C-alpha atoms as a PDB file:
ATOM      1  CA  MET A   1       2.067  29.164 -29.974  1.00  0.00           C
ATOM      2  CA  GLU A   2       5.653  27.449 -29.212  1.00  0.00           C
ATOM      3  CA  ILE A   3       5.867  24.893 -26.647  1.00  0.00           C
ATOM      4  CA  HIS A   4       9.268  24.159 -25.456  1.00  0.00           C
ATOM      5  CA  SER A   5      10.317  21.587 -22.545  1.00  0.00           C
ATOM      6  CA  ARG A   6      14.114  22.018 -22.766  1.00  0.00           C
ATOM      7  CA  VAL A   7      15.822  24.907 -21.050  1.00  0.00           C
ATOM      8  CA  ALA A   8      18.477  25.505 -23.853  1.00  0.00           C
ATOM      9  CA  ASP A   9      15.697  25.310 -26.489  1.00  0.00           C
ATOM     10  CA  LEU A  10      13.373  28.108 -24.707  1.00  0.00           C
ATOM     11  CA  ARG A  11      16.741  30.252 -24.249  1.00  0.00           C
ATOM     12  CA  LEU A  12      17.237  30.194 -27.838  1.00  0.00           C
ATOM     13  CA  ALA A  13      13.605  30.717 -29.021  1.00  0.00           C
ATOM     14  CA  LEU A  14      13.141  33.985 -26.333  1.00  0.00           C
ATOM     15  CA  LYS A  15      16.701  35.469 -28.240  1.00  0.00           C
ATOM     16  CA  ASP A  16      15.442  38.997 -29.535  1.00  0.00           C
ATOM     17  CA  ARG A  17      11.943  38.828 -28.544  1.00  0.00           C
ATOM     18  CA  GLY A  18      11.829  42.198 -26.876  1.00  0.00           C
ATOM     19  CA  ARG A  19      10.233  42.909 -23.434  1.00  0.00           C
ATOM     20  CA  ILE A  20       9.318  39.345 -22.259  1.00  0.00           C
ATOM     21  CA  VAL A  21       5.730  38.986 -19.654  1.00  0.00           C
ATOM     22  CA  PHE A  22       5.992  35.505 -18.082  1.00  0.00           C
ATOM     23  CA  VAL A  23       3.191  34.125 -16.194  1.00  0.00           C
ATOM     24  CA  PRO A  24       3.998  30.855 -14.241  1.00  0.00           C
ATOM     25  CA  THR A  25       1.309  28.413 -13.475  1.00  0.00           C
ATOM     26  CA  MET A  26       0.993  24.578 -12.129  1.00  0.00           C
ATOM     27  CA  GLY A  27      -1.456  23.995 -15.121  1.00  0.00           C
ATOM     28  CA  ASN A  28      -5.121  23.008 -14.646  1.00  0.00           C
ATOM     29  CA  LEU A  29      -5.674  26.270 -16.086  1.00  0.00           C
ATOM     30  CA  HIS A  30      -9.090  28.325 -15.274  1.00  0.00           C
ATOM     31  CA  ALA A  31     -10.316  31.929 -16.041  1.00  0.00           C
ATOM     32  CA  GLY A  32      -8.250  33.481 -12.971  1.00  0.00           C
ATOM     33  CA  HIS A  33      -4.870  31.827 -15.313  1.00  0.00           C
ATOM     34  CA  ILE A  34      -6.490  33.257 -18.356  1.00  0.00           C
ATOM     35  CA  SER A  35      -6.996  36.816 -16.928  1.00  0.00           C
ATOM     36  CA  LEU A  36      -3.383  36.875 -16.102  1.00  0.00           C
ATOM     37  CA  MET A  37      -2.674  35.985 -19.616  1.00  0.00           C
ATOM     38  CA  THR A  38      -4.742  38.611 -20.855  1.00  0.00           C
ATOM     39  CA  GLN A  39      -3.412  41.378 -18.483  1.00  0.00           C
ATOM     40  CA  ALA A  40       0.376  40.447 -19.407  1.00  0.00           C
ATOM     41  CA  ARG A  41       0.044  41.492 -23.112  1.00  0.00           C
ATOM     42  CA  ALA A  42      -0.250  45.072 -22.090  1.00  0.00           C
ATOM     43  CA  HIS A  43       3.129  44.475 -20.183  1.00  0.00           C
ATOM     44  CA  GLY A  44       5.687  43.760 -22.977  1.00  0.00           C
ATOM     45  CA  ASP A  45       6.000  42.154 -26.787  1.00  0.00           C
ATOM     46  CA  THR A  46       6.362  38.443 -25.700  1.00  0.00           C
ATOM     47  CA  VAL A  47       4.084  36.456 -23.422  1.00  0.00           C
ATOM     48  CA  VAL A  48       5.392  33.528 -22.047  1.00  0.00           C
ATOM     49  CA  ALA A  49       3.233  30.940 -19.670  1.00  0.00           C
ATOM     50  CA  SER A  50       4.812  27.863 -17.931  1.00  0.00           C
ATOM     51  CA  ILE A  51       3.028  24.806 -16.794  1.00  0.00           C
ATOM     52  CA  PHE A  52       5.126  22.534 -13.920  1.00  0.00           C
ATOM     53  CA  VAL A  53       3.535  20.992 -11.344  1.00  0.00           C
ATOM     54  CA  ASN A  54       6.459  21.620  -8.609  1.00  0.00           C
ATOM     55  CA  ARG A  55       7.125  18.748  -6.350  1.00  0.00           C
ATOM     56  CA  LEU A  56       9.234  21.113  -3.711  1.00  0.00           C
ATOM     57  CA  GLN A  57       6.288  23.074  -2.904  1.00  0.00           C
ATOM     58  CA  PHE A  58       4.040  19.844  -1.363  1.00  0.00           C
ATOM     59  CA  GLY A  59       4.166  18.550   1.519  1.00  0.00           C
ATOM     60  CA  PRO A  60       4.431  15.099   2.260  1.00  0.00           C
ATOM     61  CA  ASN A  61       0.794  14.337   2.673  1.00  0.00           C
ATOM     62  CA  GLU A  62      -0.335  17.142   0.313  1.00  0.00           C
ATOM     63  CA  ASP A  63      -1.908  16.581  -3.012  1.00  0.00           C
ATOM     64  CA  PHE A  64       1.086  16.433  -5.270  1.00  0.00           C
ATOM     65  CA  ASP A  65       0.359  12.990  -7.309  1.00  0.00           C
ATOM     66  CA  LYS A  66      -3.295  13.405  -7.663  1.00  0.00           C
ATOM     67  CA  TYR A  67      -3.143  17.211  -8.603  1.00  0.00           C
ATOM     68  CA  PRO A  68      -5.096  18.093 -11.799  1.00  0.00           C
ATOM     69  CA  ARG A  69      -2.935  17.851 -15.035  1.00  0.00           C
ATOM     70  CA  THR A  70      -4.701  18.503 -18.146  1.00  0.00           C
ATOM     71  CA  PHE A  71      -1.968  19.499 -20.172  1.00  0.00           C
ATOM     72  CA  GLU A  72      -4.162  19.598 -23.989  1.00  0.00           C
ATOM     73  CA  ASP A  73      -6.723  21.601 -22.602  1.00  0.00           C
ATOM     74  CA  ASP A  74      -4.235  23.945 -20.977  1.00  0.00           C
ATOM     75  CA  CYS A  75      -2.556  24.368 -24.564  1.00  0.00           C
ATOM     76  CA  ALA A  76      -5.800  25.145 -26.141  1.00  0.00           C
ATOM     77  CA  LYS A  77      -6.895  27.873 -23.676  1.00  0.00           C
ATOM     78  CA  LEU A  78      -3.150  29.498 -23.760  1.00  0.00           C
ATOM     79  CA  ARG A  79      -3.451  29.427 -27.738  1.00  0.00           C
ATOM     80  CA  ALA A  80      -7.110  31.202 -27.513  1.00  0.00           C
ATOM     81  CA  ALA A  81      -5.416  33.455 -24.796  1.00  0.00           C
ATOM     82  CA  GLY A  82      -2.672  34.872 -27.222  1.00  0.00           C
ATOM     83  CA  VAL A  83       0.214  33.488 -25.725  1.00  0.00           C
ATOM     84  CA  ASP A  84       3.220  33.185 -27.432  1.00  0.00           C
ATOM     85  CA  VAL A  85       5.529  30.800 -25.855  1.00  0.00           C
ATOM     86  CA  LEU A  86       4.743  27.330 -23.496  1.00  0.00           C
ATOM     87  CA  PHE A  87       7.823  26.254 -21.096  1.00  0.00           C
ATOM     88  CA  ALA A  88       6.625  22.610 -20.270  1.00  0.00           C
ATOM     89  CA  PRO A  89       9.578  20.989 -18.664  1.00  0.00           C
ATOM     90  CA  THR A  90       9.538  17.709 -16.888  1.00  0.00           C
ATOM     91  CA  GLU A  91      10.774  17.378 -13.768  1.00  0.00           C
ATOM     92  CA  ALA A  92      14.495  16.045 -15.389  1.00  0.00           C
ATOM     93  CA  ASP A  93      13.998  19.157 -17.201  1.00  0.00           C
ATOM     94  CA  LEU A  94      14.041  21.436 -14.433  1.00  0.00           C
ATOM     95  CA  TYR A  95      15.761  19.690 -11.830  1.00  0.00           C
ATOM     96  CA  PRO A  96      18.743  17.553 -13.603  1.00  0.00           C
ATOM     97  CA  GLU A  97      20.100  17.160  -9.941  1.00  0.00           C
ATOM     98  CA  PRO A  98      18.582  17.154  -6.730  1.00  0.00           C
ATOM     99  CA  GLN A  99      17.671  20.786  -5.958  1.00  0.00           C
ATOM    100  CA  GLU A 100      20.111  21.505  -3.023  1.00  0.00           C
ATOM    101  CA  TYR A 101      20.248  24.919  -3.304  1.00  0.00           C
ATOM    102  CA  THR A 102      16.900  26.802  -2.186  1.00  0.00           C
ATOM    103  CA  VAL A 103      15.459  29.866  -1.182  1.00  0.00           C
ATOM    104  CA  GLU A 104      14.682  30.398   2.332  1.00  0.00           C
ATOM    105  CA  PRO A 105      12.037  33.182   2.671  1.00  0.00           C
ATOM    106  CA  PRO A 106      12.317  35.097   5.817  1.00  0.00           C
ATOM    107  CA  ASP A 107      10.024  34.422   9.049  1.00  0.00           C
ATOM    108  CA  ILE A 108       6.646  35.306   6.324  1.00  0.00           C
ATOM    109  CA  GLN A 109       7.184  31.861   5.556  1.00  0.00           C
ATOM    110  CA  HIS A 110       6.229  30.573   8.993  1.00  0.00           C
ATOM    111  CA  ILE A 111       3.000  32.151   9.577  1.00  0.00           C
ATOM    112  CA  LEU A 112      -0.390  32.141   8.217  1.00  0.00           C
ATOM    113  CA  ASP A 113      -0.182  29.401   5.291  1.00  0.00           C
ATOM    114  CA  GLY A 114       3.356  28.639   5.880  1.00  0.00           C
ATOM    115  CA  GLU A 115       2.260  27.453   9.467  1.00  0.00           C
ATOM    116  CA  PHE A 116       0.455  24.740   8.307  1.00  0.00           C
ATOM    117  CA  ARG A 117       2.422  23.836   5.219  1.00  0.00           C
ATOM    118  CA  PRO A 118       5.928  24.039   6.607  1.00  0.00           C
ATOM    119  CA  GLY A 119       8.386  24.348   3.564  1.00  0.00           C
ATOM    120  CA  HIS A 120       5.414  25.396   0.737  1.00  0.00           C
ATOM    121  CA  PHE A 121       7.092  28.968   0.424  1.00  0.00           C
ATOM    122  CA  ARG A 122      10.455  28.000   0.529  1.00  0.00           C
ATOM    123  CA  GLY A 123       9.661  25.384  -2.563  1.00  0.00           C
ATOM    124  CA  VAL A 124       7.577  28.291  -4.339  1.00  0.00           C
ATOM    125  CA  ALA A 125      10.150  30.940  -3.953  1.00  0.00           C
ATOM    126  CA  THR A 126      12.879  28.156  -5.323  1.00  0.00           C
ATOM    127  CA  VAL A 127      10.934  27.502  -8.441  1.00  0.00           C
ATOM    128  CA  VAL A 128       9.800  30.867  -9.207  1.00  0.00           C
ATOM    129  CA  LEU A 129      13.507  32.032  -9.088  1.00  0.00           C
ATOM    130  CA  LYS A 130      14.902  29.034 -11.058  1.00  0.00           C
ATOM    131  CA  LEU A 131      12.094  29.798 -13.628  1.00  0.00           C
ATOM    132  CA  PHE A 132      13.009  33.814 -13.721  1.00  0.00           C
ATOM    133  CA  ASN A 133      16.797  32.633 -14.664  1.00  0.00           C
ATOM    134  CA  ILE A 134      15.339  30.318 -17.327  1.00  0.00           C
ATOM    135  CA  VAL A 135      13.002  33.011 -18.943  1.00  0.00           C
ATOM    136  CA  GLN A 136      14.246  36.070 -17.903  1.00  0.00           C
ATOM    137  CA  PRO A 137      11.157  37.914 -18.161  1.00  0.00           C
ATOM    138  CA  GLN A 138      10.940  41.979 -17.423  1.00  0.00           C
ATOM    139  CA  VAL A 139       7.554  41.443 -15.900  1.00  0.00           C
ATOM    140  CA  ALA A 140       6.031  38.255 -14.286  1.00  0.00           C
ATOM    141  CA  LEU A 141       2.256  38.159 -13.027  1.00  0.00           C
ATOM    142  CA  PHE A 142       0.820  36.171 -10.085  1.00  0.00           C
ATOM    143  CA  GLY A 143      -2.718  36.040  -9.076  1.00  0.00           C
ATOM    144  CA  LYS A 144      -3.765  38.073  -5.461  1.00  0.00           C
ATOM    145  CA  LYS A 145      -5.481  35.042  -4.527  1.00  0.00           C
ATOM    146  CA  ASP A 146      -2.382  33.571  -3.426  1.00  0.00           C
ATOM    147  CA  TYR A 147      -1.739  36.752  -1.296  1.00  0.00           C
ATOM    148  CA  GLN A 148       0.839  35.498   1.025  1.00  0.00           C
ATOM    149  CA  GLN A 149       2.887  33.792  -2.303  1.00  0.00           C
ATOM    150  CA  LEU A 150       2.443  37.129  -4.032  1.00  0.00           C
ATOM    151  CA  MET A 151       4.364  39.114  -0.860  1.00  0.00           C
ATOM    152  CA  VAL A 152       7.134  36.350  -0.595  1.00  0.00           C
ATOM    153  CA  LEU A 153       8.087  37.009  -4.431  1.00  0.00           C
ATOM    154  CA  ARG A 154       7.711  40.566  -4.483  1.00  0.00           C
ATOM    155  CA  ASN A 155      10.000  40.913  -1.706  1.00  0.00           C
ATOM    156  CA  MET A 156      12.244  38.097  -2.924  1.00  0.00           C
ATOM    157  CA  ALA A 157      12.613  40.131  -6.342  1.00  0.00           C
ATOM    158  CA  ARG A 158      13.578  43.345  -4.602  1.00  0.00           C
ATOM    159  CA  GLN A 159      15.687  41.856  -1.889  1.00  0.00           C
ATOM    160  CA  LEU A 160      17.624  39.906  -4.845  1.00  0.00           C
ATOM    161  CA  ALA A 161      17.918  43.047  -6.920  1.00  0.00           C
ATOM    162  CA  LEU A 162      15.979  41.051  -9.512  1.00  0.00           C
ATOM    163  CA  PRO A 163      15.204  43.191 -12.723  1.00  0.00           C
ATOM    164  CA  ILE A 164      11.797  42.095 -12.739  1.00  0.00           C
ATOM    165  CA  GLU A 165       8.587  43.658 -12.245  1.00  0.00           C
ATOM    166  CA  ILE A 166       6.063  41.808 -10.202  1.00  0.00           C
ATOM    167  CA  VAL A 167       2.322  42.485 -11.346  1.00  0.00           C
ATOM    168  CA  GLY A 168      -0.512  41.176  -8.752  1.00  0.00           C
ATOM    169  CA  GLY A 169      -3.819  40.070 -10.666  1.00  0.00           C
ATOM    170  CA  GLU A 170      -6.854  40.689  -9.133  1.00  0.00           C
ATOM    171  CA  THR A 171      -8.604  37.798  -7.755  1.00  0.00           C
ATOM    172  CA  VAL A 172     -11.082  36.109 -10.325  1.00  0.00           C
ATOM    173  CA  ARG A 173     -14.347  34.733  -8.649  1.00  0.00           C
ATOM    174  CA  ALA A 174     -17.580  32.956 -10.148  1.00  0.00           C
ATOM    175  CA  GLU A 175     -21.030  34.578  -9.994  1.00  0.00           C
ATOM    176  CA  ASP A 176     -21.526  33.527  -6.473  1.00  0.00           C
ATOM    177  CA  GLY A 177     -18.275  34.939  -5.194  1.00  0.00           C
ATOM    178  CA  LEU A 178     -16.216  31.743  -4.873  1.00  0.00           C
ATOM    179  CA  ALA A 179     -12.759  32.476  -5.708  1.00  0.00           C
ATOM    180  CA  LEU A 180     -11.697  30.441  -8.634  1.00  0.00           C
ATOM    181  CA  SER A 181      -9.101  27.931  -8.105  1.00  0.00           C
ATOM    182  CA  SER A 182      -7.661  24.638  -9.374  1.00  0.00           C
ATOM    183  CA  ARG A 183      -8.469  22.531  -6.751  1.00  0.00           C
ATOM    184  CA  ASN A 184     -12.166  23.822  -6.704  1.00  0.00           C
ATOM    185  CA  GLY A 185     -12.393  20.664  -9.152  1.00  0.00           C
ATOM    186  CA  TYR A 186     -11.905  18.550  -6.185  1.00  0.00           C
ATOM    187  CA  LEU A 187     -15.614  19.569  -4.647  1.00  0.00           C
ATOM    188  CA  SER A 188     -18.634  17.676  -4.867  1.00  0.00           C
ATOM    189  CA  PRO A 189     -21.655  19.185  -6.390  1.00  0.00           C
ATOM    190  CA  ALA A 190     -23.109  19.953  -2.361  1.00  0.00           C
ATOM    191  CA  GLU A 191     -19.503  21.187  -1.096  1.00  0.00           C
ATOM    192  CA  ARG A 192     -19.359  23.831  -4.365  1.00  0.00           C
ATOM    193  CA  ALA A 193     -22.689  24.917  -3.247  1.00  0.00           C
ATOM    194  CA  GLU A 194     -21.378  25.096   0.217  1.00  0.00           C
ATOM    195  CA  ALA A 195     -17.756  26.793  -0.528  1.00  0.00           C
ATOM    196  CA  VAL A 196     -19.039  30.078  -1.381  1.00  0.00           C
ATOM    197  CA  ARG A 197     -19.383  30.633   2.398  1.00  0.00           C
ATOM    198  CA  LEU A 198     -15.637  31.246   2.818  1.00  0.00           C
ATOM    199  CA  SER A 199     -15.510  34.496   0.525  1.00  0.00           C
ATOM    200  CA  ARG A 200     -19.126  35.295   2.561  1.00  0.00           C
ATOM    201  CA  GLU A 201     -17.413  35.255   5.662  1.00  0.00           C
ATOM    202  CA  LEU A 202     -14.676  37.365   4.926  1.00  0.00           C
ATOM    203  CA  ARG A 203     -17.057  39.757   3.222  1.00  0.00           C
ATOM    204  CA  ARG A 204     -18.685  40.258   6.398  1.00  0.00           C
ATOM    205  CA  ILE A 205     -15.413  40.817   8.514  1.00  0.00           C
ATOM    206  CA  ARG A 206     -14.372  43.492   5.627  1.00  0.00           C
ATOM    207  CA  ASP A 207     -17.782  45.328   6.022  1.00  0.00           C
ATOM    208  CA  ALA A 208     -17.395  45.418   9.960  1.00  0.00           C
ATOM    209  CA  ILE A 209     -14.176  46.984   9.784  1.00  0.00           C
ATOM    210  CA  ARG A 210     -15.342  49.396   7.349  1.00  0.00           C
ATOM    211  CA  ALA A 211     -18.215  50.103   9.669  1.00  0.00           C
ATOM    212  CA  GLY A 212     -15.632  50.740  12.395  1.00  0.00           C
ATOM    213  CA  ASN A 213     -15.393  47.948  14.023  1.00  0.00           C
ATOM    214  CA  THR A 214     -11.630  47.225  15.157  1.00  0.00           C
ATOM    215  CA  ASP A 215     -12.191  43.864  17.367  1.00  0.00           C
ATOM    216  CA  TYR A 216     -10.485  41.903  15.133  1.00  0.00           C
ATOM    217  CA  ALA A 217     -10.028  39.034  17.526  1.00  0.00           C
ATOM    218  CA  ALA A 218     -13.655  38.600  17.721  1.00  0.00           C
ATOM    219  CA  LEU A 219     -14.667  38.734  14.130  1.00  0.00           C
ATOM    220  CA  GLU A 220     -11.984  36.019  13.286  1.00  0.00           C
ATOM    221  CA  GLN A 221     -13.326  34.042  16.375  1.00  0.00           C
ATOM    222  CA  ALA A 222     -17.074  34.531  14.514  1.00  0.00           C
ATOM    223  CA  ALA A 223     -16.191  33.736  11.563  1.00  0.00           C
ATOM    224  CA  VAL A 224     -14.175  30.250  12.711  1.00  0.00           C
ATOM    225  CA  ALA A 225     -17.434  29.332  14.486  1.00  0.00           C
ATOM    226  CA  ALA A 226     -19.793  29.984  11.452  1.00  0.00           C
ATOM    227  CA  LEU A 227     -17.471  27.916   9.086  1.00  0.00           C
ATOM    228  CA  ALA A 228     -17.038  24.835  12.068  1.00  0.00           C
ATOM    229  CA  GLU A 229     -21.216  25.317  12.413  1.00  0.00           C
ATOM    230  CA  ALA A 230     -20.862  24.728   8.620  1.00  0.00           C
ATOM    231  CA  GLY A 231     -18.849  21.525   8.461  1.00  0.00           C
ATOM    232  CA  TRP A 232     -15.364  23.389   7.655  1.00  0.00           C
ATOM    233  CA  LYS A 233     -12.326  22.659   9.423  1.00  0.00           C
ATOM    234  CA  THR A 234     -10.538  26.205   9.542  1.00  0.00           C
ATOM    235  CA  ASP A 235      -6.550  26.601   9.814  1.00  0.00           C
ATOM    236  CA  TYR A 236      -7.015  30.320   9.980  1.00  0.00           C
ATOM    237  CA  VAL A 237      -8.955  33.144   9.325  1.00  0.00           C
ATOM    238  CA  ALA A 238      -6.614  36.497  10.069  1.00  0.00           C
ATOM    239  CA  VAL A 239      -6.752  39.903   9.552  1.00  0.00           C
ATOM    240  CA  ARG A 240      -3.210  41.355   8.821  1.00  0.00           C
ATOM    241  CA  GLN A 241      -1.647  44.614   7.414  1.00  0.00           C
ATOM    242  CA  GLN A 242      -1.378  44.942   3.483  1.00  0.00           C
ATOM    243  CA  SER A 243       2.215  45.914   3.924  1.00  0.00           C
ATOM    244  CA  ASP A 244       3.405  42.627   5.556  1.00  0.00           C
ATOM    245  CA  LEU A 245       1.133  40.194   6.713  1.00  0.00           C
ATOM    246  CA  LYS A 246       1.450  41.265  10.309  1.00  0.00           C
ATOM    247  CA  SER A 247      -1.222  42.429  13.250  1.00  0.00           C
ATOM    248  CA  PRO A 248      -2.821  45.886  12.545  1.00  0.00           C
ATOM    249  CA  ALA A 249      -0.875  48.188  14.561  1.00  0.00           C
ATOM    250  CA  ALA A 250      -2.206  51.600  15.268  1.00  0.00           C
ATOM    251  CA  GLY A 251      -2.652  54.211  12.981  1.00  0.00           C
ATOM    252  CA  ASN A 252      -5.397  52.493  10.440  1.00  0.00           C
ATOM    253  CA  PRO A 253      -2.890  50.333   7.888  1.00  0.00           C
ATOM    254  CA  PRO A 254      -4.389  49.140   4.710  1.00  0.00           C
ATOM    255  CA  LEU A 255      -5.803  45.689   5.900  1.00  0.00           C
ATOM    256  CA  VAL A 256      -6.096  42.156   4.173  1.00  0.00           C
ATOM    257  CA  VAL A 257      -8.551  39.294   5.721  1.00  0.00           C
ATOM    258  CA  LEU A 258      -7.280  35.952   4.859  1.00  0.00           C
ATOM    259  CA  ALA A 259      -8.016  32.616   5.480  1.00  0.00           C
ATOM    260  CA  ALA A 260      -7.704  28.776   4.663  1.00  0.00           C
ATOM    261  CA  SER A 261     -10.224  26.341   5.470  1.00  0.00           C
ATOM    262  CA  ARG A 262     -10.767  22.571   4.461  1.00  0.00           C
ATOM    263  CA  LEU A 263     -14.202  21.407   3.387  1.00  0.00           C
ATOM    264  CA  GLY A 264     -14.146  17.693   3.020  1.00  0.00           C
ATOM    265  CA  SER A 265     -10.944  16.979   1.884  1.00  0.00           C
ATOM    266  CA  THR A 266     -10.328  19.979  -0.338  1.00  0.00           C
ATOM    267  CA  ARG A 267      -8.265  22.948   1.277  1.00  0.00           C
ATOM    268  CA  LEU A 268      -9.443  26.331   0.030  1.00  0.00           C
ATOM    269  CA  ILE A 269      -7.949  29.581   0.712  1.00  0.00           C
ATOM    270  CA  ASP A 270      -9.143  33.343   0.160  1.00  0.00           C
ATOM    271  CA  ASN A 271      -8.330  36.697   1.062  1.00  0.00           C
ATOM    272  CA  ILE A 272     -10.267  40.287   0.550  1.00  0.00           C
ATOM    273  CA  GLU A 273      -8.362  43.124   0.826  1.00  0.00           C
ATOM    274  CA  VAL A 274     -10.010  46.192   2.988  1.00  0.00           C
END
């Protein structure tokens, strides 16, 4: 596996490499990331991954400084997964001057996770567009666990006419149902045992909707109450349309149940499509 940190070196390395498939990450890789790397091989000739903890998408009181950085271990996992090229820039490589030009997503950036993380999706869209311009892939893969992020990036690619197919990878879960996340490493053993409650509540709502319950507000409130009783502090539990993350309209559109809740000091997100 080739490893490059400088933009010019990466561009030179990717010349004449056929169809390029790109999987951007912030490192601290788990089985969910590796699943995307494995899927990537079916979409092209050269699989490129990136590792970069993007300061722009972290709020002032978030975990940028303590976000796990496990570069050597990540490299070993990427090699085992058959990744061809790793782009691992420093901040000076990717932001050699202050990033004053940014991507401003539409109103979707202000709902759900965006309501509680102002500026987050601006930072995500900006770094991803910059990475796209550097790597110039034909396909890019992102996990469905970050459902709102996937929608923001798909919409960006479509509206800016980027020649890139955005592929969503299914959420990878532990045996007990907890969605894999780099932030799961923050959980204490007791919190890890409790953390499965979040996916359990989402499944309960999904099953109720499948059984014909359309009182979405009541289902959301019951989940928030159940989490609160177990010591969680919930930002949102929401039933939304898969197409645009708006509240369900008439006509039985495909739905998704999304949640963000804090267990101890760790903020977890999850979603389940109905």
